[in-house]
PDB file of N, CA and C in Angstrom:
ATOM      1  N   LYS A   1     151.028  -8.678 162.851  1.00  0.00           N
ATOM      2  CA  LYS A   1     152.105  -8.235 161.977  1.00  0.00           C
ATOM      3  C   LYS A   1     152.665  -9.417 161.195  1.00  0.00           C
ATOM      4  N   LEU A   2     153.118  -9.137 160.014  1.00  0.00           N
ATOM      5  CA  LEU A   2     153.807 -10.120 159.174  1.00  0.00           C
ATOM      6  C   LEU A   2     155.081  -9.436 158.688  1.00  0.00           C
ATOM      7  N   VAL A   3     156.133  -9.537 159.502  1.00  0.00           N
ATOM      8  CA  VAL A   3     157.356  -8.775 159.297  1.00  0.00           C
ATOM      9  C   VAL A   3     158.466  -9.675 158.762  1.00  0.00           C
ATOM     10  N   VAL A   4     159.171  -9.195 157.744  1.00  0.00           N
ATOM     11  CA  VAL A   4     160.317  -9.928 157.195  1.00  0.00           C
ATOM     12  C   VAL A   4     161.411  -9.973 158.249  1.00  0.00           C
ATOM     13  N   ALA A   5     161.823 -11.203 158.611  1.00  0.00           N
ATOM     14  CA  ALA A   5     162.834 -11.366 159.644  1.00  0.00           C
ATOM     15  C   ALA A   5     164.138 -11.931 159.106  1.00  0.00           C
ATOM     16  N   LEU A   6     164.081 -12.769 158.092  1.00  0.00           N
ATOM     17  CA  LEU A   6     165.265 -13.408 157.545  1.00  0.00           C
ATOM     18  C   LEU A   6     165.278 -13.285 156.027  1.00  0.00           C
ATOM     19  N   VAL A   7     166.442 -13.049 155.471  1.00  0.00           N
ATOM     20  CA  VAL A   7     166.613 -13.060 154.014  1.00  0.00           C
ATOM     21  C   VAL A   7     167.892 -13.809 153.669  1.00  0.00           C
ATOM     22  N   TYR A   8     167.857 -14.520 152.551  1.00  0.00           N
ATOM     23  CA  TYR A   8     169.057 -15.198 152.073  1.00  0.00           C
ATOM     24  C   TYR A   8     169.030 -15.221 150.555  1.00  0.00           C
ATOM     25  N   PRO A   9     170.065 -14.844 149.896  1.00  0.00           N
ATOM     26  CA  PRO A   9     171.248 -14.195 150.464  1.00  0.00           C
ATOM     27  C   PRO A   9     170.945 -12.731 150.758  1.00  0.00           C
ATOM     28  N   VAL A  10     171.689 -12.169 151.688  1.00  0.00           N
ATOM     29  CA  VAL A  10     171.514 -10.750 151.998  1.00  0.00           C
ATOM     30  C   VAL A  10     171.994  -9.922 150.815  1.00  0.00           C
ATOM     31  N   LYS A  11     173.117 -10.316 150.231  1.00  0.00           N
ATOM     32  CA  LYS A  11     173.646  -9.604 149.065  1.00  0.00           C
ATOM     33  C   LYS A  11     174.254 -10.627 148.114  1.00  0.00           C
ATOM     34  N   GLU A  12     173.993 -10.427 146.818  1.00  0.00           N
ATOM     35  CA  GLU A  12     174.485 -11.376 145.823  1.00  0.00           C
ATOM     36  C   GLU A  12     174.755 -10.640 144.516  1.00  0.00           C
ATOM     37  N   THR A  13     175.846 -10.988 143.859  1.00  0.00           N
ATOM     38  CA  THR A  13     176.177 -10.432 142.557  1.00  0.00           C
ATOM     39  C   THR A  13     176.322 -11.579 141.570  1.00  0.00           C
ATOM     40  N   LYS A  14     175.662 -11.427 140.420  1.00  0.00           N
ATOM     41  CA  LYS A  14     175.721 -12.462 139.379  1.00  0.00           C
ATOM     42  C   LYS A  14     176.072 -11.818 138.051  1.00  0.00           C
ATOM     43  N   VAL A  15     176.752 -12.572 137.196  1.00  0.00           N
ATOM     44  CA  VAL A  15     177.035 -12.147 135.834  1.00  0.00           C
ATOM     45  C   VAL A  15     176.130 -12.968 134.920  1.00  0.00           C
ATOM     46  N   LEU A  16     175.288 -12.288 134.148  1.00  0.00           N
ATOM     47  CA  LEU A  16     174.373 -12.963 133.241  1.00  0.00           C
ATOM     48  C   LEU A  16     175.105 -13.410 131.977  1.00  0.00           C
ATOM     49  N   LYS A  17     174.447 -14.246 131.192  1.00  0.00           N
ATOM     50  CA  LYS A  17     175.038 -14.758 129.948  1.00  0.00           C
ATOM     51  C   LYS A  17     175.490 -13.637 129.018  1.00  0.00           C
ATOM     52  N   ASN A  18     174.719 -12.543 129.004  1.00  0.00           N
ATOM     53  CA  ASN A  18     175.051 -11.433 128.103  1.00  0.00           C
ATOM     54  C   ASN A  18     176.147 -10.509 128.659  1.00  0.00           C
ATOM     55  N   GLY A  19     176.680 -10.867 129.838  1.00  0.00           N
ATOM     56  CA  GLY A  19     177.745 -10.064 130.438  1.00  0.00           C
ATOM     57  C   GLY A  19     177.257  -9.015 131.425  1.00  0.00           C
ATOM     58  N   ASN A  20     175.949  -8.773 131.481  1.00  0.00           N
ATOM     59  CA  ASN A  20     175.418  -7.817 132.452  1.00  0.00           C
ATOM     60  C   ASN A  20     175.666  -8.323 133.863  1.00  0.00           C
ATOM     61  N   VAL A  21     176.003  -7.407 134.749  1.00  0.00           N
ATOM     62  CA  VAL A  21     176.216  -7.746 136.154  1.00  0.00           C
ATOM     63  C   VAL A  21     174.992  -7.285 136.931  1.00  0.00           C
ATOM     64  N   VAL A  22     174.403  -8.197 137.697  1.00  0.00           N
ATOM     65  CA  VAL A  22     173.219  -7.895 138.496  1.00  0.00           C
ATOM     66  C   VAL A  22     173.574  -8.084 139.960  1.00  0.00           C
ATOM     67  N   THR A  23     173.360  -7.041 140.756  1.00  0.00           N
ATOM     68  CA  THR A  23     173.601  -7.123 142.198  1.00  0.00           C
ATOM     69  C   THR A  23     172.274  -6.987 142.913  1.00  0.00           C
ATOM     70  N   GLN A  24     172.001  -7.918 143.800  1.00  0.00           N
ATOM     71  CA  GLN A  24     170.797  -7.877 144.614  1.00  0.00           C
ATOM     72  C   GLN A  24     171.201  -7.637 146.059  1.00  0.00           C
ATOM     73  N   ASP A  25     170.654  -6.590 146.668  1.00  0.00           N
ATOM     74  CA  ASP A  25     170.904  -6.298 148.076  1.00  0.00           C
ATOM     75  C   ASP A  25     169.564  -6.383 148.782  1.00  0.00           C
ATOM     76  N   ASN A  26     169.350  -7.468 149.505  1.00  0.00           N
ATOM     77  CA  ASN A  26     168.059  -7.744 150.124  1.00  0.00           C
ATOM     78  C   ASN A  26     167.937  -7.257 151.561  1.00  0.00           C
ATOM     79  N   ALA A  27     168.965  -6.599 152.084  1.00  0.00           N
ATOM     80  CA  ALA A  27     168.955  -6.162 153.479  1.00  0.00           C
ATOM     81  C   ALA A  27     167.796  -5.208 153.779  1.00  0.00           C
ATOM     82  N   GLY A  28     167.386  -4.423 152.793  1.00  0.00           N
ATOM     83  CA  GLY A  28     166.295  -3.468 152.997  1.00  0.00           C
ATOM     84  C   GLY A  28     164.955  -4.107 153.271  1.00  0.00           C
ATOM     85  N   ALA A  29     164.820  -5.404 152.983  1.00  0.00           N
ATOM     86  CA  ALA A  29     163.554  -6.100 153.228  1.00  0.00           C
ATOM     87  C   ALA A  29     163.362  -6.443 154.704  1.00  0.00           C
ATOM     88  N   ILE A  30     164.447  -6.549 155.452  1.00  0.00           N
ATOM     89  CA  ILE A  30     164.353  -6.921 156.864  1.00  0.00           C
ATOM     90  C   ILE A  30     163.599  -5.833 157.624  1.00  0.00           C
ATOM     91  N   GLY A  31     162.563  -6.257 158.338  1.00  0.00           N
ATOM     92  CA  GLY A  31     161.737  -5.328 159.101  1.00  0.00           C
ATOM     93  C   GLY A  31     160.509  -4.842 158.352  1.00  0.00           C
ATOM     94  N   LEU A  32     160.383  -5.184 157.083  1.00  0.00           N
ATOM     95  CA  LEU A  32     159.232  -4.755 156.278  1.00  0.00           C
ATOM     96  C   LEU A  32     157.970  -5.471 156.753  1.00  0.00           C
ATOM     97  N   ASP A  33     156.942  -4.733 157.134  1.00  0.00           N
ATOM     98  CA  ASP A  33     155.668  -5.300 157.578  1.00  0.00           C
ATOM     99  C   ASP A  33     154.780  -5.480 156.347  1.00  0.00           C
ATOM    100  N   LEU A  34     154.697  -6.706 155.859  1.00  0.00           N
ATOM    101  CA  LEU A  34     153.999  -6.997 154.603  1.00  0.00           C
ATOM    102  C   LEU A  34     152.494  -6.766 154.675  1.00  0.00           C
ATOM    103  N   LEU A  35     151.896  -6.922 155.856  1.00  0.00           N
ATOM    104  CA  LEU A  35     150.449  -6.720 155.981  1.00  0.00           C
ATOM    105  C   LEU A  35     150.053  -5.244 156.013  1.00  0.00           C
ATOM    106  N   HIS A  36     151.024  -4.366 156.221  1.00  0.00           N
ATOM    107  CA  HIS A  36     150.709  -2.946 156.294  1.00  0.00           C
ATOM    108  C   HIS A  36     151.402  -2.113 155.218  1.00  0.00           C
ATOM    109  N   HIS A  37     152.139  -2.758 154.340  1.00  0.00           N
ATOM    110  CA  HIS A  37     152.806  -2.029 153.266  1.00  0.00           C
ATOM    111  C   HIS A  37     151.844  -1.931 152.081  1.00  0.00           C
ATOM    112  N   PRO A  38     151.579  -0.723 151.566  1.00  0.00           N
ATOM    113  CA  PRO A  38     150.576  -0.556 150.503  1.00  0.00           C
ATOM    114  C   PRO A  38     150.845  -1.367 149.236  1.00  0.00           C
ATOM    115  N   GLU A  39     152.108  -1.639 148.927  1.00  0.00           N
ATOM    116  CA  GLU A  39     152.425  -2.379 147.702  1.00  0.00           C
ATOM    117  C   GLU A  39     152.521  -3.888 147.920  1.00  0.00           C
ATOM    118  N   ARG A  40     152.510  -4.354 149.150  1.00  0.00           N
ATOM    119  CA  ARG A  40     152.656  -5.786 149.430  1.00  0.00           C
ATOM    120  C   ARG A  40     151.464  -6.394 150.163  1.00  0.00           C
ATOM    121  N   LYS A  41     150.586  -5.551 150.685  1.00  0.00           N
ATOM    122  CA  LYS A  41     149.472  -6.033 151.504  1.00  0.00           C
ATOM    123  C   LYS A  41     148.564  -7.010 150.758  1.00  0.00           C
ATOM    124  N   ALA A  42     148.181  -6.700 149.541  1.00  0.00           N
ATOM    125  CA  ALA A  42     147.236  -7.556 148.803  1.00  0.00           C
ATOM    126  C   ALA A  42     147.772  -8.973 148.639  1.00  0.00           C
ATOM    127  N   ASN A  43     149.062  -9.100 148.319  1.00  0.00           N
ATOM    128  CA  ASN A  43     149.651 -10.424 148.143  1.00  0.00           C
ATOM    129  C   ASN A  43     149.728 -11.169 149.479  1.00  0.00           C
ATOM    130  N   ALA A  44     150.087 -10.465 150.554  1.00  0.00           N
ATOM    131  CA  ALA A  44     150.166 -11.095 151.871  1.00  0.00           C
ATOM    132  C   ALA A  44     148.793 -11.572 152.325  1.00  0.00           C
ATOM    133  N   VAL A  45     147.776 -10.744 152.127  1.00  0.00           N
ATOM    134  CA  VAL A  45     146.410 -11.101 152.516  1.00  0.00           C
ATOM    135  C   VAL A  45     145.906 -12.292 151.694  1.00  0.00           C
ATOM    136  N   ALA A  46     146.292 -12.385 150.440  1.00  0.00           N
ATOM    137  CA  ALA A  46     145.883 -13.517 149.594  1.00  0.00           C
ATOM    138  C   ALA A  46     146.639 -14.795 149.954  1.00  0.00           C
ATOM    139  N   THR A  47     147.872 -14.677 150.399  1.00  0.00           N
ATOM    140  CA  THR A  47     148.718 -15.848 150.665  1.00  0.00           C
ATOM    141  C   THR A  47     148.279 -16.621 151.896  1.00  0.00           C
ATOM    142  N   VAL A  48     148.029 -15.945 152.998  1.00  0.00           N
ATOM    143  CA  VAL A  48     147.764 -16.624 154.269  1.00  0.00           C
ATOM    144  C   VAL A  48     146.593 -17.606 154.174  1.00  0.00           C
ATOM    145  N   PRO A  49     145.417 -17.236 153.675  1.00  0.00           N
ATOM    146  CA  PRO A  49     144.319 -18.209 153.623  1.00  0.00           C
ATOM    147  C   PRO A  49     144.401 -19.193 152.445  1.00  0.00           C
ATOM    148  N   SER A  50     145.307 -18.990 151.516  1.00  0.00           N
ATOM    149  CA  SER A  50     145.321 -19.792 150.283  1.00  0.00           C
ATOM    150  C   SER A  50     145.743 -21.239 150.481  1.00  0.00           C
ATOM    151  N   ARG A  51     146.621 -21.484 151.462  1.00  0.00           N
ATOM    152  CA  ARG A  51     147.202 -22.803 151.679  1.00  0.00           C
ATOM    153  C   ARG A  51     147.957 -23.285 150.435  1.00  0.00           C
ATOM    154  N   ASP A  52     148.394 -22.356 149.610  1.00  0.00           N
ATOM    155  CA  ASP A  52     149.092 -22.684 148.372  1.00  0.00           C
ATOM    156  C   ASP A  52     150.037 -21.535 148.013  1.00  0.00           C
ATOM    157  N   VAL A  53     150.826 -21.736 146.977  1.00  0.00           N
ATOM    158  CA  VAL A  53     151.739 -20.698 146.507  1.00  0.00           C
ATOM    159  C   VAL A  53     150.934 -19.596 145.818  1.00  0.00           C
ATOM    160  N   VAL A  54     151.249 -18.352 146.133  1.00  0.00           N
ATOM    161  CA  VAL A  54     150.654 -17.198 145.476  1.00  0.00           C
ATOM    162  C   VAL A  54     151.793 -16.434 144.809  1.00  0.00           C
ATOM    163  N   ILE A  55     151.670 -16.201 143.500  1.00  0.00           N
ATOM    164  CA  ILE A  55     152.721 -15.520 142.736  1.00  0.00           C
ATOM    165  C   ILE A  55     152.217 -14.152 142.308  1.00  0.00           C
ATOM    166  N   SER A  56     153.055 -13.146 142.497  1.00  0.00           N
ATOM    167  CA  SER A  56     152.710 -11.800 142.042  1.00  0.00           C
ATOM    168  C   SER A  56     153.867 -11.236 141.229  1.00  0.00           C
ATOM    169  N   GLY A  57     153.536 -10.288 140.364  1.00  0.00           N
ATOM    170  CA  GLY A  57     154.568  -9.621 139.578  1.00  0.00           C
ATOM    171  C   GLY A  57     154.452  -9.897 138.100  1.00  0.00           C
ATOM    172  N   PRO A  58     155.420  -9.390 137.358  1.00  0.00           N
ATOM    173  CA  PRO A  58     156.614  -8.716 137.858  1.00  0.00           C
ATOM    174  C   PRO A  58     156.274  -7.344 138.448  1.00  0.00           C
ATOM    175  N   LEU A  59     156.994  -7.024 139.515  1.00  0.00           N
ATOM    176  CA  LEU A  59     156.819  -5.740 140.182  1.00  0.00           C
ATOM    177  C   LEU A  59     158.154  -5.285 140.745  1.00  0.00           C
ATOM    178  N   GLU A  60     158.255  -3.998 141.016  1.00  0.00           N
ATOM    179  CA  GLU A  60     159.507  -3.465 141.553  1.00  0.00           C
ATOM    180  C   GLU A  60     159.568  -3.758 143.045  1.00  0.00           C
ATOM    181  N   LEU A  61     160.701  -4.261 143.494  1.00  0.00           N
ATOM    182  CA  LEU A  61     160.880  -4.576 144.909  1.00  0.00           C
ATOM    183  C   LEU A  61     160.936  -3.304 145.734  1.00  0.00           C
ATOM    184  N   VAL A  62     160.519  -3.406 146.970  1.00  0.00           N
ATOM    185  CA  VAL A  62     160.529  -2.275 147.892  1.00  0.00           C
ATOM    186  C   VAL A  62     161.957  -1.938 148.301  1.00  0.00           C
ATOM    187  N   GLU A  63     162.775  -2.970 148.507  1.00  0.00           N
ATOM    188  CA  GLU A  63     164.107  -2.771 149.063  1.00  0.00           C
ATOM    189  C   GLU A  63     165.170  -2.387 148.053  1.00  0.00           C
ATOM    190  N   GLN A  64     164.862  -2.503 146.760  1.00  0.00           N
ATOM    191  CA  GLN A  64     165.845  -2.159 145.733  1.00  0.00           C
ATOM    192  C   GLN A  64     165.148  -1.966 144.393  1.00  0.00           C
ATOM    193  N   PRO A  65     165.739  -1.192 143.485  1.00  0.00           N
ATOM    194  CA  PRO A  65     165.119  -0.976 142.174  1.00  0.00           C
ATOM    195  C   PRO A  65     165.340  -2.189 141.256  1.00  0.00           C
ATOM    196  N   LEU A  66     164.545  -3.231 141.475  1.00  0.00           N
ATOM    197  CA  LEU A  66     164.692  -4.469 140.726  1.00  0.00           C
ATOM    198  C   LEU A  66     163.310  -5.036 140.442  1.00  0.00           C
ATOM    199  N   MET A  67     163.052  -5.400 139.198  1.00  0.00           N
ATOM    200  CA  MET A  67     161.789  -6.046 138.845  1.00  0.00           C
ATOM    201  C   MET A  67     161.894  -7.532 139.185  1.00  0.00           C
ATOM    202  N   ALA A  68     160.833  -8.066 139.798  1.00  0.00           N
ATOM    203  CA  ALA A  68     160.882  -9.457 140.243  1.00  0.00           C
ATOM    204  C   ALA A  68     159.495 -10.080 140.291  1.00  0.00           C
ATOM    205  N   LEU A  69     159.476 -11.409 140.242  1.00  0.00           N
ATOM    206  CA  LEU A  69     158.296 -12.185 140.586  1.00  0.00           C
ATOM    207  C   LEU A  69     158.466 -12.564 142.053  1.00  0.00           C
ATOM    208  N   ILE A  70     157.365 -12.597 142.804  1.00  0.00           N
ATOM    209  CA  ILE A  70     157.420 -13.000 144.196  1.00  0.00           C
ATOM    210  C   ILE A  70     156.477 -14.183 144.369  1.00  0.00           C
ATOM    211  N   ALA A  71     157.015 -15.301 144.851  1.00  0.00           N
ATOM    212  CA  ALA A  71     156.217 -16.499 145.118  1.00  0.00           C
ATOM    213  C   ALA A  71     156.175 -16.696 146.628  1.00  0.00           C
ATOM    214  N   ASP A  72     154.969 -16.630 147.202  1.00  0.00           N
ATOM    215  CA  ASP A  72     154.790 -16.768 148.651  1.00  0.00           C
ATOM    216  C   ASP A  72     154.069 -18.073 148.974  1.00  0.00           C
ATOM    217  N   LEU A  73     154.541 -18.773 149.998  1.00  0.00           N
ATOM    218  CA  LEU A  73     153.924 -20.016 150.456  1.00  0.00           C
ATOM    219  C   LEU A  73     153.686 -19.905 151.955  1.00  0.00           C
ATOM    220  N   PRO A  74     152.413 -20.018 152.406  1.00  0.00           N
ATOM    221  CA  PRO A  74     152.143 -19.912 153.838  1.00  0.00           C
ATOM    222  C   PRO A  74     152.665 -21.127 154.604  1.00  0.00           C
ATOM    223  N   ILE A  75     153.080 -20.896 155.846  1.00  0.00           N
ATOM    224  CA  ILE A  75     153.536 -21.957 156.734  1.00  0.00           C
ATOM    225  C   ILE A  75     152.531 -22.061 157.874  1.00  0.00           C
ATOM    226  N   TYR A  76     151.885 -23.215 157.960  1.00  0.00           N
ATOM    227  CA  TYR A  76     150.862 -23.434 158.982  1.00  0.00           C
ATOM    228  C   TYR A  76     151.436 -24.263 160.121  1.00  0.00           C
ATOM    229  N   ILE A  77     151.310 -23.750 161.344  1.00  0.00           N
ATOM    230  CA  ILE A  77     151.777 -24.439 162.537  1.00  0.00           C
ATOM    231  C   ILE A  77     150.633 -24.428 163.551  1.00  0.00           C
ATOM    232  N   GLU A  78     150.272 -25.611 164.019  1.00  0.00           N
ATOM    233  CA  GLU A  78     149.198 -25.722 165.003  1.00  0.00           C
ATOM    234  C   GLU A  78     149.558 -24.902 166.245  1.00  0.00           C
ATOM    235  N   GLY A  79     148.598 -24.138 166.720  1.00  0.00           N
ATOM    236  CA  GLY A  79     148.825 -23.318 167.899  1.00  0.00           C
ATOM    237  C   GLY A  79     149.245 -21.888 167.578  1.00  0.00           C
ATOM    238  N   GLU A  80     149.673 -21.653 166.346  1.00  0.00           N
ATOM    239  CA  GLU A  80     150.019 -20.297 165.907  1.00  0.00           C
ATOM    240  C   GLU A  80     148.821 -19.736 165.147  1.00  0.00           C
ATOM    241  N   SER A  81     148.595 -18.447 165.227  1.00  0.00           N
ATOM    242  CA  SER A  81     147.491 -17.867 164.467  1.00  0.00           C
ATOM    243  C   SER A  81     147.845 -16.473 163.974  1.00  0.00           C
ATOM    244  N   MET A  82     147.209 -16.131 162.875  1.00  0.00           N
ATOM    245  CA  MET A  82     147.407 -14.828 162.269  1.00  0.00           C
ATOM    246  C   MET A  82     146.043 -14.318 161.794  1.00  0.00           C
ATOM    247  N   PRO A  83     145.588 -13.171 162.302  1.00  0.00           N
ATOM    248  CA  PRO A  83     144.306 -12.644 161.853  1.00  0.00           C
ATOM    249  C   PRO A  83     144.426 -11.915 160.510  1.00  0.00           C
ATOM    250  N   ILE A  84     143.588 -12.299 159.578  1.00  0.00           N
ATOM    251  CA  ILE A  84     143.511 -11.641 158.275  1.00  0.00           C
ATOM    252  C   ILE A  84     142.041 -11.320 158.024  1.00  0.00           C
ATOM    253  N   ALA A  85     141.727 -10.062 157.853  1.00  0.00           N
ATOM    254  CA  ALA A  85     140.357  -9.609 157.576  1.00  0.00           C
ATOM    255  C   ALA A  85     139.362 -10.177 158.587  1.00  0.00           C
ATOM    256  N   GLY A  86     139.758 -10.186 159.872  1.00  0.00           N
ATOM    257  CA  GLY A  86     138.862 -10.628 160.930  1.00  0.00           C
ATOM    258  C   GLY A  86     138.778 -12.135 161.129  1.00  0.00           C
ATOM    259  N   VAL A  87     139.545 -12.910 160.388  1.00  0.00           N
ATOM    260  CA  VAL A  87     139.548 -14.369 160.520  1.00  0.00           C
ATOM    261  C   VAL A  87     140.925 -14.807 161.010  1.00  0.00           C
ATOM    262  N   ASP A  88     140.953 -15.687 162.044  1.00  0.00           N
ATOM    263  CA  ASP A  88     142.223 -16.223 162.533  1.00  0.00           C
ATOM    264  C   ASP A  88     142.587 -17.470 161.744  1.00  0.00           C
ATOM    265  N   TYR A  89     143.793 -17.459 161.155  1.00  0.00           N
ATOM    266  CA  TYR A  89     144.307 -18.611 160.419  1.00  0.00           C
ATOM    267  C   TYR A  89     145.448 -19.220 161.218  1.00  0.00           C
ATOM    268  N   GLU A  90     145.538 -20.561 161.225  1.00  0.00           N
ATOM    269  CA  GLU A  90     146.648 -21.234 161.900  1.00  0.00           C
ATOM    270  C   GLU A  90     147.906 -21.067 161.061  1.00  0.00           C
ATOM    271  N   CYS A  91     148.361 -19.860 160.963  1.00  0.00           N
ATOM    272  CA  CYS A  91     149.495 -19.549 160.102  1.00  0.00           C
ATOM    273  C   CYS A  91     150.597 -18.903 160.927  1.00  0.00           C
ATOM    274  N   TRP A  92     151.807 -19.398 160.775  1.00  0.00           N
ATOM    275  CA  TRP A  92     152.965 -18.844 161.460  1.00  0.00           C
ATOM    276  C   TRP A  92     153.548 -17.676 160.665  1.00  0.00           C
ATOM    277  N   GLY A  93     153.432 -17.754 159.353  1.00  0.00           N
ATOM    278  CA  GLY A  93     153.990 -16.756 158.450  1.00  0.00           C
ATOM    279  C   GLY A  93     154.089 -17.366 157.069  1.00  0.00           C
ATOM    280  N   PHE A  94     155.016 -16.897 156.266  1.00  0.00           N
ATOM    281  CA  PHE A  94     155.231 -17.562 154.984  1.00  0.00           C
ATOM    282  C   PHE A  94     156.636 -17.382 154.474  1.00  0.00           C
ATOM    283  N   VAL A  95     156.967 -18.230 153.520  1.00  0.00           N
ATOM    284  CA  VAL A  95     158.258 -18.196 152.856  1.00  0.00           C
ATOM    285  C   VAL A  95     158.049 -17.494 151.523  1.00  0.00           C
ATOM    286  N   ALA A  96     158.955 -16.604 151.185  1.00  0.00           N
ATOM    287  CA  ALA A  96     158.876 -15.897 149.904  1.00  0.00           C
ATOM    288  C   ALA A  96     160.121 -16.191 149.078  1.00  0.00           C
ATOM    289  N   VAL A  97     159.902 -16.477 147.808  1.00  0.00           N
ATOM    290  CA  VAL A  97     161.005 -16.651 146.872  1.00  0.00           C
ATOM    291  C   VAL A  97     160.947 -15.485 145.898  1.00  0.00           C
ATOM    292  N   ILE A  98     162.042 -14.766 145.773  1.00  0.00           N
ATOM    293  CA  ILE A  98     162.124 -13.615 144.875  1.00  0.00           C
ATOM    294  C   ILE A  98     162.877 -14.053 143.627  1.00  0.00           C
ATOM    295  N   ILE A  99     162.245 -13.867 142.475  1.00  0.00           N
ATOM    296  CA  ILE A  99     162.842 -14.273 141.203  1.00  0.00           C
ATOM    297  C   ILE A  99     163.131 -13.021 140.383  1.00  0.00           C
ATOM    298  N   ASN A 100     164.396 -12.771 140.137  1.00  0.00           N
ATOM    299  CA  ASN A 100     164.833 -11.608 139.369  1.00  0.00           C
ATOM    300  C   ASN A 100     164.263 -11.709 137.953  1.00  0.00           C
ATOM    301  N   TRP A 101     163.408 -10.772 137.592  1.00  0.00           N
ATOM    302  CA  TRP A 101     162.706 -10.807 136.306  1.00  0.00           C
ATOM    303  C   TRP A 101     163.673 -10.710 135.126  1.00  0.00           C
ATOM    304  N   GLU A 102     164.627  -9.779 135.169  1.00  0.00           N
ATOM    305  CA  GLU A 102     165.601  -9.610 134.089  1.00  0.00           C
ATOM    306  C   GLU A 102     166.428 -10.886 133.911  1.00  0.00           C
ATOM    307  N   GLN A 103     166.864 -11.441 135.022  1.00  0.00           N
ATOM    308  CA  GLN A 103     167.678 -12.653 134.960  1.00  0.00           C
ATOM    309  C   GLN A 103     166.866 -13.833 134.429  1.00  0.00           C
ATOM    310  N   LEU A 104     165.618 -13.947 134.831  1.00  0.00           N
ATOM    311  CA  LEU A 104     164.755 -15.018 134.331  1.00  0.00           C
ATOM    312  C   LEU A 104     164.598 -14.935 132.815  1.00  0.00           C
ATOM    313  N   LEU A 105     164.299 -13.738 132.313  1.00  0.00           N
ATOM    314  CA  LEU A 105     164.129 -13.566 130.866  1.00  0.00           C
ATOM    315  C   LEU A 105     165.417 -13.891 130.117  1.00  0.00           C
ATOM    316  N   GLU A 106     166.541 -13.466 130.671  1.00  0.00           N
ATOM    317  CA  GLU A 106     167.842 -13.726 130.046  1.00  0.00           C
ATOM    318  C   GLU A 106     168.144 -15.224 130.020  1.00  0.00           C
ATOM    319  N   GLU A 107     167.950 -15.890 131.141  1.00  0.00           N
ATOM    320  CA  GLU A 107     168.287 -17.309 131.252  1.00  0.00           C
ATOM    321  C   GLU A 107     167.430 -18.198 130.358  1.00  0.00           C
ATOM    322  N   VAL A 108     166.144 -17.865 130.220  1.00  0.00           N
ATOM    323  CA  VAL A 108     165.274 -18.712 129.383  1.00  0.00           C
ATOM    324  C   VAL A 108     165.231 -18.257 127.943  1.00  0.00           C
ATOM    325  N   GLY A 109     165.848 -17.109 127.639  1.00  0.00           N
ATOM    326  CA  GLY A 109     165.944 -16.649 126.255  1.00  0.00           C
ATOM    327  C   GLY A 109     164.654 -16.124 125.658  1.00  0.00           C
ATOM    328  N   ILE A 110     163.779 -15.572 126.509  1.00  0.00           N
ATOM    329  CA  ILE A 110     162.502 -15.042 126.007  1.00  0.00           C
ATOM    330  C   ILE A 110     162.713 -13.746 125.232  1.00  0.00           C
ATOM    331  N   TYR A 111     163.581 -12.863 125.743  1.00  0.00           N
ATOM    332  CA  TYR A 111     163.833 -11.586 125.076  1.00  0.00           C
ATOM    333  C   TYR A 111     165.289 -11.491 124.704  1.00  0.00           C
TER     334      TYR A 111
END
């Protein structure tokens, strides 16, 4: 299993430059099994053996109606293993950074 155990921040509200208010509630991600979720499995399976950052998106988050980029980085710890497609990787799990797509576009002035 590759289950989301910690999120930070759990809830956050930001005011964008254009005055739009964006609230992110990440509590719904806790307990999500990324290796068995149909919309997240491919990225999780690609991340563990990559030994590098894997970015996906923009896509709608499972826990809230928000478009985001997801950057995953595997964490390798000797003695820990995670089977992916029949291969054991010395992987403890991974860190994910969620980037709000609307906020990113607003902040960099693309649209």
